[in-house]
Amino acid sequence: MHWELSDEQEMFASSLREWITAKFPTETVRELQGSSSSPFTDALIGEGWWGVGYPEQAGGQGGGVLELALAAREFGRAAVPDSGWFAAAIVAPLLTDADLTALVEGQRRAVLATRADRPPVTGPDAIDAGTAGDTLSLVVPHVLGAAEAEVFVVPVRGPDGPALAQVAAADAVITADDLLDRSRSTATVEFRDAPVAGLVPVDAESLAASALRAPVLVAADALGAAERMLDLAVGYSKQRKQFGQLIGGFQAVKHACAQMLVTVEASYSSALYAAAAVDAALADAPTIAAVAKAQVTRSVADLADTALTVHGAIGYTWEHDLHLFYKRAKLDRTLFGTPAAWNERIAVALLGPVNSPS
């Protein structure tokens, strides 16, 4: 099955790609690698792209998770530093109407203080965090987009049960992680008797909506990186000569590129269908999203190795662009949980919980 986009969605994706190409070409992306500033986030807000995928009543431009996935695909395709955008998309379903409007209008950057190395929690009963009253003491490792946060939304156990605490980023100690992929950023966030600005009871529906966005958007990001690596590999095979002929003429290289194309086509349908399933609130949307995360990110990580093989020694160098997307694909594989972790969720959804032997 090949997923088909509407004309409006195709136009949005094409326009965003053109804008990124003009504003953030590869040379600019290289300069931003590992930067603590967020010019890409500022540009998204300033030029109107930030509000796509959010309701108009909150100041957005409409659309849903599918539009967010199309944006994530373009961000992966260009290897832009999008941690702040991604973090905002995940926390959005957990915000009050007023806080969501502030987020969408770029007035307040909120980040969900949750680990980016494991699948997100899906319900209040799964919250495993500190207890919040007037203050909060807690350490949360590997928080995506922490460096760009102005306020952290922290899943906690409040006096009346599971809740979401808001803590100003200025009251947290943020220690950046050293990632191989320098186009994204995570950090350990430590709250030491940090004042809690607000404590709101959490509901299962909003937690589930937030949790579904992580696998879908990571899969879409990996799709974009895969498309770019395929383009680079095919382009290089038409330029590089060995034994007096272009390497694209060798059967082994043809087969490698053909397999990469198969991976891209399958990932395209899987990632975008998962986004559409979430928008449509299908009953099995969580399983579809889990399949997309597990299958797409695993396949794209393998595709990255193939692209590196096609390039040969030059693919290992800093001067060649391939490393930007290779590293991106490898992080996508583990971001918000490995394929094995998501396969476990799929197994539980299809077969039920496995009872441990007594």
Protein backbone atom coordinates (compact mmCIF):
# COMPACT_ATOMS: atom_id res chain seq x y z
CA MET A 1 0.00 0.00 0.00
CA HIS A 2 1.29 3.46 -0.94
CA TRP A 3 -0.16 6.25 1.18
CA GLU A 4 -1.44 9.17 -0.89
CA LEU A 5 -1.43 12.76 0.36
CA SER A 6 -4.02 15.36 -0.56
CA ASP A 7 -3.07 18.21 -2.90
CA GLU A 8 -3.01 20.60 0.08
CA GLN A 9 -0.72 18.32 2.04
CA GLU A 10 1.60 17.88 -0.93
CA MET A 11 1.71 21.66 -1.35
CA PHE A 12 2.49 22.16 2.34
CA ALA A 13 5.34 19.65 2.27
CA SER A 14 6.75 21.11 -0.94
CA SER A 15 6.56 24.67 0.37
CA LEU A 16 8.22 23.75 3.66
CA ARG A 17 11.01 21.94 1.79
CA GLU A 18 11.62 24.99 -0.38
CA TRP A 19 11.69 27.26 2.68
CA ILE A 20 14.17 25.03 4.51
CA THR A 21 16.38 24.79 1.42
CA ALA A 22 16.46 28.58 1.13
CA LYS A 23 16.81 29.45 4.82
CA PHE A 24 18.73 26.46 6.19
CA PRO A 25 20.89 24.91 3.47
CA THR A 26 23.37 22.22 4.46
CA GLU A 27 26.13 24.78 5.03
CA THR A 28 23.97 26.58 7.61
CA VAL A 29 22.92 23.31 9.23
CA ARG A 30 26.57 22.38 9.64
CA GLU A 31 27.24 25.69 11.42
CA LEU A 32 24.36 25.03 13.81
CA GLN A 33 25.54 21.55 14.79
CA GLY A 34 25.73 21.43 18.57
CA SER A 35 24.77 25.10 18.94
CA SER A 36 23.03 26.10 22.18
CA SER A 37 20.98 28.76 20.38
CA SER A 38 17.76 28.00 18.52
CA PRO A 39 17.65 30.07 15.30
CA PHE A 40 15.66 27.34 13.57
CA THR A 41 12.93 27.45 16.22
CA ASP A 42 12.92 31.24 16.07
CA ALA A 43 12.57 31.12 12.28
CA LEU A 44 9.70 28.63 12.46
CA ILE A 45 7.84 30.93 14.84
CA GLY A 46 8.70 34.15 13.04
CA GLU A 47 7.71 32.95 9.57
CA GLY A 48 4.51 31.10 10.45
CA TRP A 49 5.53 27.43 10.18
CA TRP A 50 5.38 26.81 13.93
CA GLY A 51 1.55 26.88 14.08
CA VAL A 52 0.93 24.19 11.46
CA GLY A 53 -0.66 21.14 13.07
CA TYR A 54 -2.33 23.07 15.88
CA PRO A 55 -6.00 24.18 16.14
CA GLU A 56 -6.92 27.64 14.89
CA GLN A 57 -8.66 28.48 18.18
CA ALA A 58 -5.27 28.18 19.87
CA GLY A 59 -3.61 30.48 17.36
CA GLY A 60 -2.48 27.70 15.04
CA GLN A 61 -3.01 27.18 11.35
CA GLY A 62 -5.02 23.97 11.55
CA GLY A 63 -4.12 20.45 10.64
CA GLY A 64 -3.21 17.63 12.96
CA VAL A 65 -0.66 14.92 13.58
CA LEU A 66 -0.33 14.15 9.87
CA GLU A 67 0.76 17.74 9.19
CA LEU A 68 3.20 17.50 12.10
CA ALA A 69 4.54 14.26 10.60
CA LEU A 70 5.00 15.93 7.21
CA ALA A 71 7.00 18.67 8.92
CA ALA A 72 9.08 16.10 10.83
CA ARG A 73 9.81 14.34 7.55
CA GLU A 74 11.17 17.56 6.05
CA PHE A 75 13.20 18.31 9.16
CA GLY A 76 14.78 14.85 8.98
CA ARG A 77 15.43 15.26 5.28
CA ALA A 78 17.38 18.48 5.97
CA ALA A 79 18.92 17.42 9.34
CA VAL A 80 17.82 20.72 10.89
CA PRO A 81 18.04 21.25 14.70
CA ASP A 82 14.39 20.71 15.61
CA SER A 83 14.48 19.59 19.27
CA GLY A 84 12.41 22.56 20.43
CA TRP A 85 9.74 21.97 17.79
CA PHE A 86 9.58 18.25 18.56
CA ALA A 87 9.36 18.85 22.31
CA ALA A 88 6.53 21.34 21.78
CA ALA A 89 4.58 18.87 19.63
CA ILE A 90 4.79 16.21 22.35
CA VAL A 91 3.79 18.42 25.28
CA ALA A 92 0.95 20.21 23.44
CA PRO A 93 -1.86 17.71 24.27
CA LEU A 94 -1.07 18.08 27.98
CA LEU A 95 -1.45 21.85 28.16
CA THR A 96 -4.43 23.93 29.22
CA ASP A 97 -6.08 26.05 26.53
CA ALA A 98 -4.29 29.18 27.72
CA ASP A 99 -0.90 27.46 27.90
CA LEU A 100 -1.41 25.88 24.46
CA THR A 101 -2.15 29.27 22.95
CA ALA A 102 1.00 30.69 24.54
CA LEU A 103 2.99 27.77 23.10
CA VAL A 104 1.54 28.02 19.59
CA GLU A 105 2.02 31.78 19.46
CA GLY A 106 5.65 31.36 20.51
CA GLN A 107 5.23 33.24 23.77
CA ARG A 108 6.22 30.38 26.06
CA ARG A 109 8.28 27.32 25.23
CA ALA A 110 7.14 24.31 27.23
CA VAL A 111 8.89 20.94 27.35
CA LEU A 112 7.62 17.67 28.81
CA ALA A 113 10.16 16.46 31.36
CA THR A 114 10.20 12.82 30.31
CA ARG A 115 12.97 10.47 29.27
CA ALA A 116 13.75 10.37 25.56
CA ASP A 117 15.49 6.99 25.78
CA ARG A 118 12.34 4.95 26.43
CA PRO A 119 8.73 4.85 25.19
CA PRO A 120 6.58 7.56 26.83
CA VAL A 121 4.04 6.76 29.52
CA THR A 122 0.56 6.09 28.19
CA GLY A 123 -1.62 6.55 31.27
CA PRO A 124 -1.71 8.00 34.80
CA ASP A 125 -1.04 4.60 36.37
CA ALA A 126 2.29 4.44 34.51
CA ILE A 127 3.66 7.66 35.99
CA ASP A 128 6.78 6.87 37.96
CA ALA A 129 8.08 10.19 39.26
CA GLY A 130 8.58 12.27 42.35
CA THR A 131 5.89 13.70 44.58
CA ALA A 132 5.04 17.35 44.11
CA GLY A 133 3.57 19.77 46.58
CA ASP A 134 4.79 23.36 46.78
CA THR A 135 8.24 22.21 45.65
CA LEU A 136 9.65 19.36 43.57
CA SER A 137 12.88 17.38 43.89
CA LEU A 138 13.49 15.04 40.98
CA VAL A 139 16.10 14.07 38.38
CA VAL A 140 14.95 13.32 34.83
CA PRO A 141 17.68 12.17 32.40
CA HIS A 142 17.71 12.59 28.63
CA VAL A 143 14.96 15.23 28.24
CA LEU A 144 14.56 16.24 24.58
CA GLY A 145 14.72 19.98 23.94
CA ALA A 146 15.52 20.84 27.55
CA ALA A 147 17.98 23.54 26.53
CA GLU A 148 15.19 25.49 24.79
CA ALA A 149 12.63 25.18 27.59
CA GLU A 150 11.18 28.10 29.50
CA VAL A 151 8.91 25.87 31.55
CA PHE A 152 8.96 22.14 32.23
CA VAL A 153 5.76 20.10 32.46
CA VAL A 154 6.57 17.24 34.85
CA PRO A 155 4.42 14.12 35.34
CA VAL A 156 4.30 13.65 39.13
CA ARG A 157 2.25 12.23 41.95
CA GLY A 158 0.50 15.15 43.56
CA PRO A 159 -1.48 15.27 46.82
CA ASP A 160 -4.61 14.07 44.99
CA GLY A 161 -3.00 11.59 42.62
CA PRO A 162 -1.23 11.72 39.24
CA ALA A 163 -0.75 15.26 37.99
CA LEU A 164 1.31 17.56 35.82
CA ALA A 165 3.53 20.05 37.63
CA GLN A 166 4.84 23.18 35.95
CA VAL A 167 8.33 24.28 36.95
CA ALA A 168 10.23 27.22 35.50
CA ALA A 169 13.36 26.21 33.60
CA ALA A 170 15.25 28.83 35.59
CA ASP A 171 14.62 26.74 38.73
CA ALA A 172 16.14 23.58 37.23
CA VAL A 173 19.74 22.45 36.77
CA ILE A 174 20.21 21.41 33.14
CA THR A 175 23.21 19.30 32.13
CA ALA A 176 23.51 18.69 28.40
CA ASP A 177 24.11 15.18 27.03
CA ASP A 178 26.86 14.54 24.50
CA LEU A 179 25.02 13.08 21.51
CA LEU A 180 26.60 11.69 18.37
CA ASP A 181 23.80 13.34 16.38
CA ARG A 182 24.40 17.01 17.05
CA SER A 183 21.24 18.16 15.27
CA ARG A 184 19.19 17.21 18.34
CA SER A 185 19.79 17.87 22.01
CA THR A 186 18.87 16.15 25.25
CA ALA A 187 19.87 16.90 28.82
CA THR A 188 19.54 15.72 32.38
CA VAL A 189 17.13 18.00 34.24
CA GLU A 190 17.42 18.17 38.01
CA PHE A 191 14.85 19.86 40.23
CA ARG A 192 16.16 20.69 43.71
CA ASP A 193 13.28 21.90 45.85
CA ALA A 194 12.11 23.77 42.76
CA PRO A 195 8.96 25.88 43.23
CA VAL A 196 5.92 24.38 41.52
CA ALA A 197 4.09 27.10 39.60
CA GLY A 198 1.04 24.96 38.86
CA LEU A 199 -0.28 21.47 39.52
CA VAL A 200 -3.01 20.11 37.24
CA PRO A 201 -4.60 16.64 37.50
CA VAL A 202 -3.67 14.46 34.55
CA ASP A 203 -6.13 12.42 32.50
CA ALA A 204 -5.49 9.27 30.51
CA GLU A 205 -6.73 10.74 27.21
CA SER A 206 -4.26 13.63 27.09
CA LEU A 207 -1.37 11.40 28.21
CA ALA A 208 -2.22 8.91 25.47
CA ALA A 209 -2.40 11.69 22.85
CA SER A 210 1.03 12.94 23.88
CA ALA A 211 2.50 9.44 23.95
CA LEU A 212 1.27 8.68 20.42
CA ARG A 213 3.05 11.65 18.92
CA ALA A 214 6.54 10.50 19.89
CA PRO A 215 6.70 7.28 17.81
CA VAL A 216 4.88 8.80 14.84
CA LEU A 217 7.06 11.89 14.58
CA VAL A 218 10.31 9.98 15.10
CA ALA A 219 9.28 7.56 12.33
CA ALA A 220 8.50 10.49 10.03
CA ASP A 221 11.87 12.09 10.83
CA ALA A 222 13.63 8.82 9.99
CA LEU A 223 11.70 8.67 6.71
CA GLY A 224 13.04 12.08 5.71
CA ALA A 225 16.60 11.10 6.58
CA ALA A 226 16.21 7.90 4.54
CA GLU A 227 14.98 9.81 1.49
CA ARG A 228 17.99 12.12 1.68
CA MET A 229 20.48 9.26 2.11
CA LEU A 230 18.97 7.48 -0.90
CA ASP A 231 19.37 10.65 -2.98
CA LEU A 232 22.99 11.01 -1.85
CA ALA A 233 23.83 7.36 -2.58
CA VAL A 234 22.28 7.39 -6.05
CA GLY A 235 23.91 10.72 -6.87
CA TYR A 236 27.32 9.49 -5.74
CA SER A 237 26.97 6.25 -7.73
CA LYS A 238 26.54 8.37 -10.86
CA GLN A 239 29.76 10.30 -10.19
CA ARG A 240 32.27 7.89 -8.68
CA LYS A 241 34.30 5.73 -11.06
CA GLN A 242 36.22 2.54 -10.35
CA PHE A 243 37.93 0.25 -12.86
CA GLY A 244 37.12 2.81 -15.53
CA GLN A 245 33.33 2.91 -15.09
CA LEU A 246 30.73 4.48 -12.84
CA ILE A 247 30.05 2.42 -9.73
CA GLY A 248 26.32 2.78 -10.44
CA GLY A 249 26.86 0.29 -13.23
CA PHE A 250 27.92 -2.47 -10.84
CA GLN A 251 25.19 -4.95 -10.02
CA ALA A 252 25.96 -4.93 -6.29
CA VAL A 253 25.50 -1.16 -6.12
CA LYS A 254 22.29 -1.37 -8.17
CA HIS A 255 20.88 -3.96 -5.76
CA ALA A 256 21.90 -1.89 -2.74
CA CYS A 257 20.18 1.24 -4.07
CA ALA A 258 17.10 -0.76 -5.07
CA GLN A 259 16.80 -2.14 -1.54
CA MET A 260 17.16 1.38 -0.16
CA LEU A 261 14.28 2.49 -2.40
CA VAL A 262 12.12 -0.38 -1.11
CA THR A 263 12.86 0.74 2.46
CA VAL A 264 11.95 4.35 1.67
CA GLU A 265 8.67 3.40 -0.02
CA ALA A 266 7.63 1.10 2.81
CA SER A 267 8.61 3.67 5.45
CA TYR A 268 6.66 6.39 3.64
CA SER A 269 3.38 4.49 3.81
CA SER A 270 3.95 3.19 7.35
CA ALA A 271 4.90 6.53 8.91
CA LEU A 272 2.21 8.61 7.22
CA TYR A 273 -0.53 6.03 7.75
CA ALA A 274 0.34 5.97 11.45
CA ALA A 275 -0.06 9.76 11.62
CA ALA A 276 -3.41 9.56 9.82
CA ALA A 277 -4.54 6.77 12.16
CA VAL A 278 -3.81 8.96 15.18
CA ASP A 279 -5.74 11.86 13.63
CA ALA A 280 -8.68 9.55 12.92
CA ALA A 281 -8.58 8.23 16.50
CA LEU A 282 -8.62 4.62 15.28
CA ALA A 283 -8.97 2.07 18.06
CA ASP A 284 -5.70 0.40 17.07
CA ALA A 285 -3.81 3.67 16.49
CA PRO A 286 -1.38 2.93 19.38
CA THR A 287 -0.41 -0.37 17.76
CA ILE A 288 -0.10 1.21 14.31
CA ALA A 289 2.13 3.93 15.77
CA ALA A 290 4.26 1.33 17.55
CA VAL A 291 4.67 -0.62 14.29
CA ALA A 292 5.78 2.55 12.49
CA LYS A 293 8.35 3.39 15.16
CA ALA A 294 9.74 -0.15 15.35
CA GLN A 295 9.78 -0.95 11.64
CA VAL A 296 10.70 2.41 10.12
CA THR A 297 13.50 3.38 12.48
CA ARG A 298 15.06 -0.09 12.37
CA SER A 299 14.94 -0.27 8.59
CA VAL A 300 16.25 3.27 8.15
CA ALA A 301 19.16 2.58 10.53
CA ASP A 302 20.05 -0.38 8.29
CA LEU A 303 19.62 1.80 5.20
CA ALA A 304 22.16 4.23 6.69
CA ASP A 305 24.74 1.44 6.78
CA THR A 306 24.01 0.60 3.15
CA ALA A 307 24.35 4.24 2.11
CA LEU A 308 27.69 4.39 3.89
CA THR A 309 28.86 1.27 2.05
CA VAL A 310 27.90 2.77 -1.32
CA HIS A 311 29.90 5.91 -0.54
CA GLY A 312 32.96 4.01 0.61
CA ALA A 313 35.68 5.84 2.51
CA ILE A 314 34.39 9.34 1.69
CA GLY A 315 31.18 8.55 3.57
CA TYR A 316 33.14 8.41 6.82
CA THR A 317 34.48 11.94 6.49
CA TRP A 318 33.22 15.11 8.12
CA GLU A 319 33.41 16.91 4.77
CA HIS A 320 30.70 14.75 3.19
CA ASP A 321 27.05 15.43 4.07
CA LEU A 322 26.16 11.76 4.54
CA HIS A 323 27.28 11.74 8.17
CA LEU A 324 24.56 14.28 9.09
CA PHE A 325 21.81 11.88 8.07
CA TYR A 326 23.61 8.73 9.13
CA LYS A 327 23.84 10.01 12.70
CA ARG A 328 20.25 11.24 12.57
CA ALA A 329 18.99 7.81 11.54
CA LYS A 330 20.96 6.09 14.27
CA LEU A 331 19.51 8.39 16.95
CA ASP A 332 15.98 7.98 15.57
CA ARG A 333 16.34 4.24 16.10
CA THR A 334 16.68 4.70 19.87
CA LEU A 335 14.88 8.01 20.41
CA PHE A 336 11.87 7.35 22.64
CA GLY A 337 12.61 3.65 22.73
CA THR A 338 14.38 1.03 20.65
CA PRO A 339 12.55 -1.14 18.10
CA ALA A 340 12.70 -3.98 20.64
CA ALA A 341 10.86 -1.88 23.24
CA TRP A 342 8.14 -0.98 20.75
CA ASN A 343 7.89 -4.57 19.54
CA GLU A 344 7.12 -5.53 23.13
CA ARG A 345 4.22 -3.08 23.12
CA ILE A 346 2.99 -4.57 19.85
CA ALA A 347 3.17 -8.07 21.31
CA VAL A 348 1.22 -7.04 24.41
CA ALA A 349 -1.41 -5.31 22.26
CA LEU A 350 -1.87 -8.37 20.05
CA LEU A 351 -1.32 -11.21 22.53
CA GLY A 352 -1.96 -9.65 25.94
CA PRO A 353 0.40 -9.34 28.91
CA VAL A 354 2.82 -12.19 29.43
CA ASN A 355 2.53 -13.72 32.88
CA SER A 356 5.88 -14.37 34.51
CA PRO A 357 6.33 -17.96 35.70
CA SER A 358 5.91 -18.35 39.44
